[in-house]
N, C-alpha and C. Protein backbone atom coordinates (compact mmCIF):
# COMPACT_ATOMS: atom_id res chain seq x y z
N MET A 1 -5.80 -7.43 -17.91
CA MET A 1 -7.08 -7.49 -17.26
C MET A 1 -8.09 -6.69 -18.09
N MET A 2 -9.31 -7.15 -18.18
CA MET A 2 -10.32 -6.47 -18.97
C MET A 2 -10.70 -5.14 -18.32
N LYS A 3 -10.76 -4.08 -19.10
CA LYS A 3 -11.03 -2.74 -18.58
C LYS A 3 -12.52 -2.40 -18.56
N ASN A 4 -13.34 -3.10 -19.33
CA ASN A 4 -14.75 -2.78 -19.41
C ASN A 4 -15.62 -3.80 -18.69
N LYS A 5 -15.06 -4.39 -17.66
CA LYS A 5 -15.78 -5.41 -16.91
C LYS A 5 -15.39 -5.29 -15.44
N SER A 6 -16.35 -5.48 -14.56
CA SER A 6 -16.05 -5.47 -13.13
C SER A 6 -15.11 -6.61 -12.80
N VAL A 7 -14.27 -6.39 -11.79
CA VAL A 7 -13.26 -7.38 -11.41
C VAL A 7 -13.36 -7.62 -9.91
N ILE A 8 -13.35 -8.88 -9.52
CA ILE A 8 -13.30 -9.26 -8.11
C ILE A 8 -12.03 -10.05 -7.90
N LEU A 9 -11.19 -9.60 -6.98
CA LEU A 9 -9.91 -10.24 -6.72
C LEU A 9 -9.88 -10.79 -5.30
N LYS A 10 -9.21 -11.90 -5.10
CA LYS A 10 -9.07 -12.50 -3.78
C LYS A 10 -7.70 -12.12 -3.22
N ILE A 11 -7.71 -11.39 -2.12
CA ILE A 11 -6.47 -10.89 -1.54
C ILE A 11 -5.53 -12.03 -1.17
N ASP A 12 -6.05 -13.11 -0.61
CA ASP A 12 -5.18 -14.23 -0.22
C ASP A 12 -4.41 -14.80 -1.40
N GLU A 13 -4.97 -14.70 -2.60
CA GLU A 13 -4.28 -15.21 -3.79
C GLU A 13 -3.26 -14.20 -4.33
N LEU A 14 -3.33 -12.96 -3.87
CA LEU A 14 -2.45 -11.90 -4.36
C LEU A 14 -1.26 -11.64 -3.45
N LYS A 15 -1.31 -12.16 -2.22
CA LYS A 15 -0.23 -11.91 -1.27
C LYS A 15 1.03 -12.66 -1.69
N LYS A 16 2.13 -11.92 -1.78
CA LYS A 16 3.44 -12.49 -2.10
C LYS A 16 4.47 -11.74 -1.28
N PHE A 17 5.50 -12.43 -0.87
CA PHE A 17 6.52 -11.80 -0.03
C PHE A 17 7.90 -12.03 -0.62
N ASN A 18 8.80 -11.10 -0.34
CA ASN A 18 10.21 -11.20 -0.70
C ASN A 18 10.96 -11.12 0.62
N GLU A 19 11.86 -12.03 0.86
CA GLU A 19 12.56 -12.06 2.14
C GLU A 19 13.56 -10.92 2.28
N ASP A 20 14.00 -10.30 1.18
CA ASP A 20 15.02 -9.25 1.23
C ASP A 20 14.47 -7.83 1.33
N LYS A 21 13.30 -7.59 0.72
CA LYS A 21 12.72 -6.24 0.74
C LYS A 21 11.22 -6.34 0.56
N ARG A 22 10.53 -5.23 0.79
CA ARG A 22 9.07 -5.24 0.63
C ARG A 22 8.71 -5.68 -0.78
N TYR A 23 7.57 -6.34 -0.89
CA TYR A 23 7.10 -6.79 -2.20
C TYR A 23 5.93 -5.90 -2.60
N LYS A 24 5.99 -5.36 -3.82
CA LYS A 24 4.89 -4.53 -4.34
C LYS A 24 4.59 -5.00 -5.75
N GLU A 25 3.32 -5.28 -6.00
CA GLU A 25 2.91 -5.72 -7.33
C GLU A 25 1.62 -5.01 -7.73
N THR A 26 1.61 -4.45 -8.94
CA THR A 26 0.40 -3.85 -9.47
C THR A 26 -0.58 -4.96 -9.82
N ILE A 27 -1.79 -4.87 -9.27
CA ILE A 27 -2.79 -5.91 -9.53
C ILE A 27 -3.89 -5.42 -10.48
N TRP A 28 -3.95 -4.11 -10.68
CA TRP A 28 -4.92 -3.55 -11.62
C TRP A 28 -4.52 -2.11 -11.92
N SER A 29 -4.68 -1.70 -13.17
CA SER A 29 -4.42 -0.29 -13.49
C SER A 29 -5.16 0.11 -14.76
N ASP A 30 -5.40 1.39 -14.87
CA ASP A 30 -5.91 1.98 -16.11
C ASP A 30 -5.30 3.38 -16.21
N GLU A 31 -5.82 4.21 -17.10
CA GLU A 31 -5.21 5.52 -17.30
C GLU A 31 -5.44 6.48 -16.14
N ARG A 32 -6.32 6.16 -15.20
CA ARG A 32 -6.62 7.08 -14.10
C ARG A 32 -6.23 6.58 -12.71
N SER A 33 -6.03 5.29 -12.55
CA SER A 33 -5.70 4.77 -11.23
C SER A 33 -4.87 3.50 -11.30
N ASN A 34 -4.30 3.17 -10.17
CA ASN A 34 -3.41 2.02 -10.06
C ASN A 34 -3.66 1.38 -8.70
N ILE A 35 -3.81 0.07 -8.66
CA ILE A 35 -3.98 -0.65 -7.40
C ILE A 35 -2.86 -1.67 -7.28
N SER A 36 -2.18 -1.62 -6.14
CA SER A 36 -1.07 -2.55 -5.89
C SER A 36 -1.25 -3.23 -4.55
N MET A 37 -0.65 -4.39 -4.41
CA MET A 37 -0.54 -5.06 -3.12
C MET A 37 0.86 -4.81 -2.61
N ILE A 38 0.96 -4.39 -1.36
CA ILE A 38 2.25 -4.21 -0.71
C ILE A 38 2.31 -5.22 0.43
N CYS A 39 3.32 -6.07 0.39
CA CYS A 39 3.48 -7.11 1.41
C CYS A 39 4.85 -6.97 2.05
N MET A 40 4.87 -6.88 3.38
CA MET A 40 6.13 -6.66 4.10
C MET A 40 6.31 -7.69 5.20
N ARG A 41 7.50 -8.24 5.24
CA ARG A 41 7.91 -9.07 6.37
C ARG A 41 8.35 -8.11 7.50
N PRO A 42 8.48 -8.61 8.72
CA PRO A 42 8.94 -7.75 9.82
C PRO A 42 10.24 -7.03 9.46
N GLY A 43 10.29 -5.73 9.77
CA GLY A 43 11.47 -4.92 9.53
C GLY A 43 11.54 -4.28 8.15
N GLN A 44 10.71 -4.70 7.22
CA GLN A 44 10.73 -4.13 5.87
C GLN A 44 9.95 -2.82 5.84
N GLU A 45 10.26 -1.98 4.83
CA GLU A 45 9.59 -0.68 4.77
C GLU A 45 9.51 -0.13 3.35
N ALA A 46 8.63 0.83 3.20
CA ALA A 46 8.57 1.69 2.01
C ALA A 46 9.03 3.05 2.51
N THR A 47 10.22 3.47 2.10
CA THR A 47 10.78 4.72 2.62
C THR A 47 9.92 5.92 2.25
N THR A 48 10.09 6.99 2.98
CA THR A 48 9.30 8.20 2.79
C THR A 48 9.49 8.76 1.38
N HIS A 49 8.35 9.10 0.76
CA HIS A 49 8.35 9.60 -0.61
C HIS A 49 7.07 10.41 -0.83
N THR A 50 6.90 10.99 -2.01
CA THR A 50 5.69 11.74 -2.35
C THR A 50 5.17 11.30 -3.72
N HIS A 51 3.92 11.67 -3.99
CA HIS A 51 3.29 11.44 -5.30
C HIS A 51 2.62 12.75 -5.73
N HIS A 52 2.39 12.90 -7.01
CA HIS A 52 1.71 14.09 -7.52
C HIS A 52 0.19 14.00 -7.41
N PHE A 53 -0.31 12.82 -7.05
CA PHE A 53 -1.75 12.62 -6.96
C PHE A 53 -2.10 11.92 -5.65
N ASN A 54 -3.38 11.79 -5.35
CA ASN A 54 -3.83 11.13 -4.12
C ASN A 54 -3.30 9.71 -4.02
N HIS A 55 -3.10 9.26 -2.78
CA HIS A 55 -2.66 7.90 -2.50
C HIS A 55 -3.47 7.40 -1.32
N VAL A 56 -4.08 6.23 -1.47
CA VAL A 56 -4.91 5.65 -0.42
C VAL A 56 -4.35 4.27 -0.08
N PHE A 57 -4.23 3.99 1.22
CA PHE A 57 -3.81 2.67 1.69
C PHE A 57 -4.95 2.04 2.47
N VAL A 58 -5.20 0.76 2.23
CA VAL A 58 -6.15 -0.01 3.02
C VAL A 58 -5.35 -1.10 3.72
N VAL A 59 -5.32 -1.05 5.05
CA VAL A 59 -4.56 -2.05 5.81
C VAL A 59 -5.39 -3.32 5.86
N VAL A 60 -4.85 -4.39 5.29
CA VAL A 60 -5.57 -5.65 5.15
C VAL A 60 -5.21 -6.61 6.28
N GLU A 61 -3.93 -6.67 6.61
CA GLU A 61 -3.46 -7.67 7.57
C GLU A 61 -2.21 -7.17 8.27
N GLY A 62 -2.10 -7.41 9.56
CA GLY A 62 -0.88 -7.09 10.30
C GLY A 62 -0.88 -5.69 10.90
N GLN A 63 0.21 -5.37 11.56
CA GLN A 63 0.40 -4.09 12.22
C GLN A 63 1.57 -3.37 11.56
N GLY A 64 1.53 -2.06 11.52
CA GLY A 64 2.63 -1.31 10.93
C GLY A 64 2.71 0.09 11.49
N GLU A 65 3.63 0.86 10.91
CA GLU A 65 3.84 2.25 11.30
C GLU A 65 3.76 3.11 10.05
N PHE A 66 2.90 4.11 10.08
CA PHE A 66 2.75 5.05 8.97
C PHE A 66 3.37 6.37 9.38
N THR A 67 4.29 6.87 8.56
CA THR A 67 4.96 8.14 8.85
C THR A 67 4.61 9.16 7.77
N SER A 68 4.22 10.36 8.22
CA SER A 68 3.90 11.45 7.30
C SER A 68 4.13 12.76 8.03
N GLY A 69 4.81 13.71 7.38
CA GLY A 69 5.06 15.00 8.00
C GLY A 69 5.85 14.91 9.29
N GLY A 70 6.72 13.92 9.39
CA GLY A 70 7.54 13.75 10.58
C GLY A 70 6.82 13.09 11.75
N GLU A 71 5.57 12.71 11.56
CA GLU A 71 4.78 12.08 12.62
C GLU A 71 4.53 10.61 12.26
N THR A 72 4.71 9.72 13.23
CA THR A 72 4.49 8.29 13.02
C THR A 72 3.29 7.83 13.82
N GLN A 73 2.41 7.05 13.16
CA GLN A 73 1.22 6.51 13.81
C GLN A 73 1.13 5.03 13.53
N ALA A 74 0.56 4.29 14.47
CA ALA A 74 0.33 2.86 14.29
C ALA A 74 -0.82 2.66 13.30
N ILE A 75 -0.69 1.64 12.45
CA ILE A 75 -1.78 1.27 11.54
C ILE A 75 -2.10 -0.21 11.74
N GLU A 76 -3.36 -0.55 11.49
CA GLU A 76 -3.82 -1.93 11.71
C GLU A 76 -4.96 -2.25 10.76
N PRO A 77 -5.33 -3.53 10.65
CA PRO A 77 -6.41 -3.92 9.74
C PRO A 77 -7.70 -3.15 10.02
N GLY A 78 -8.38 -2.82 8.94
CA GLY A 78 -9.63 -2.08 9.05
C GLY A 78 -9.45 -0.58 8.92
N GLN A 79 -8.20 -0.13 8.82
CA GLN A 79 -7.95 1.30 8.68
C GLN A 79 -7.68 1.66 7.22
N ILE A 80 -8.08 2.88 6.87
CA ILE A 80 -7.80 3.46 5.56
C ILE A 80 -6.98 4.72 5.79
N VAL A 81 -5.87 4.84 5.08
CA VAL A 81 -5.00 6.01 5.19
C VAL A 81 -5.11 6.78 3.87
N ILE A 82 -5.43 8.06 3.95
CA ILE A 82 -5.58 8.90 2.76
C ILE A 82 -4.47 9.94 2.76
N VAL A 83 -3.69 9.96 1.69
CA VAL A 83 -2.55 10.88 1.57
C VAL A 83 -2.80 11.83 0.40
N PRO A 84 -2.90 13.13 0.66
CA PRO A 84 -3.09 14.09 -0.42
C PRO A 84 -1.85 14.20 -1.31
N PRO A 85 -1.98 14.82 -2.47
CA PRO A 85 -0.84 15.01 -3.36
C PRO A 85 0.31 15.75 -2.67
N LEU A 86 1.54 15.33 -2.98
CA LEU A 86 2.78 15.96 -2.54
C LEU A 86 3.00 15.93 -1.03
N VAL A 87 2.27 15.11 -0.30
CA VAL A 87 2.50 14.94 1.14
C VAL A 87 3.40 13.72 1.33
N ASP A 88 4.50 13.91 2.06
CA ASP A 88 5.44 12.80 2.26
C ASP A 88 4.80 11.71 3.12
N HIS A 89 5.18 10.47 2.82
CA HIS A 89 4.64 9.34 3.57
C HIS A 89 5.52 8.11 3.38
N GLY A 90 5.49 7.24 4.37
CA GLY A 90 6.22 5.99 4.32
C GLY A 90 5.58 5.00 5.27
N ILE A 91 5.85 3.72 5.05
CA ILE A 91 5.27 2.67 5.89
C ILE A 91 6.37 1.71 6.29
N ARG A 92 6.32 1.27 7.55
CA ARG A 92 7.29 0.30 8.06
C ARG A 92 6.55 -0.79 8.82
N ASN A 93 7.00 -2.01 8.63
CA ASN A 93 6.48 -3.12 9.42
C ASN A 93 7.41 -3.29 10.62
N GLY A 94 7.04 -2.70 11.73
CA GLY A 94 7.83 -2.81 12.95
C GLY A 94 7.33 -3.91 13.86
N SER A 95 6.42 -4.74 13.37
CA SER A 95 5.85 -5.81 14.18
C SER A 95 6.60 -7.12 13.95
N SER A 96 6.14 -8.16 14.62
CA SER A 96 6.76 -9.49 14.46
C SER A 96 6.03 -10.34 13.43
N GLY A 97 4.93 -9.81 12.86
CA GLY A 97 4.17 -10.54 11.85
C GLY A 97 4.19 -9.84 10.51
N ASP A 98 3.57 -10.45 9.52
CA ASP A 98 3.52 -9.87 8.18
C ASP A 98 2.54 -8.70 8.13
N LEU A 99 2.79 -7.78 7.19
CA LEU A 99 1.92 -6.63 6.95
C LEU A 99 1.49 -6.65 5.49
N VAL A 100 0.17 -6.56 5.25
CA VAL A 100 -0.37 -6.56 3.89
C VAL A 100 -1.26 -5.33 3.72
N ILE A 101 -1.00 -4.58 2.66
CA ILE A 101 -1.71 -3.33 2.41
C ILE A 101 -2.11 -3.26 0.95
N ALA A 102 -3.34 -2.81 0.69
CA ALA A 102 -3.75 -2.48 -0.68
C ALA A 102 -3.46 -0.99 -0.88
N SER A 103 -2.78 -0.67 -1.97
CA SER A 103 -2.37 0.70 -2.28
C SER A 103 -3.11 1.16 -3.53
N ILE A 104 -3.80 2.29 -3.42
CA ILE A 104 -4.57 2.82 -4.53
C ILE A 104 -4.05 4.23 -4.84
N THR A 105 -3.58 4.43 -6.05
CA THR A 105 -3.07 5.74 -6.44
C THR A 105 -3.81 6.26 -7.66
N ALA A 106 -4.07 7.56 -7.64
CA ALA A 106 -4.62 8.22 -8.82
C ALA A 106 -3.47 8.50 -9.77
N GLN A 107 -3.78 8.63 -11.06
CA GLN A 107 -2.75 8.91 -12.05
C GLN A 107 -3.17 10.14 -12.85
N GLY A 108 -2.20 10.79 -13.43
CA GLY A 108 -2.46 11.99 -14.21
C GLY A 108 -3.06 11.68 -15.56
N GLU A 109 -3.52 12.71 -16.18
CA GLU A 109 -4.11 12.56 -17.50
C GLU A 109 -3.11 12.88 -18.57
């Protein structure tokens, strides 16, 4: 992808699913940030983990459960979840429909 030009992406064209586990694909990256699409069928999850830099999730479609610091909260379209560095977090699709999330992570220098 060109790095010195603005990019407009269509989410519906980026959604992909794997029947066995969550699907995650990097759709754009440079030396400072990374954007991925995370697509989950019912019951799929991203287990709890941490990052050294900020992590932002934008809930695009569906319902899910966000867990951080031992606390679980419902997430839905229109919400943005901001996770500071080294804070544990995970996402689970506990609903009966698909869950689609845009994931934005900062990267080190």
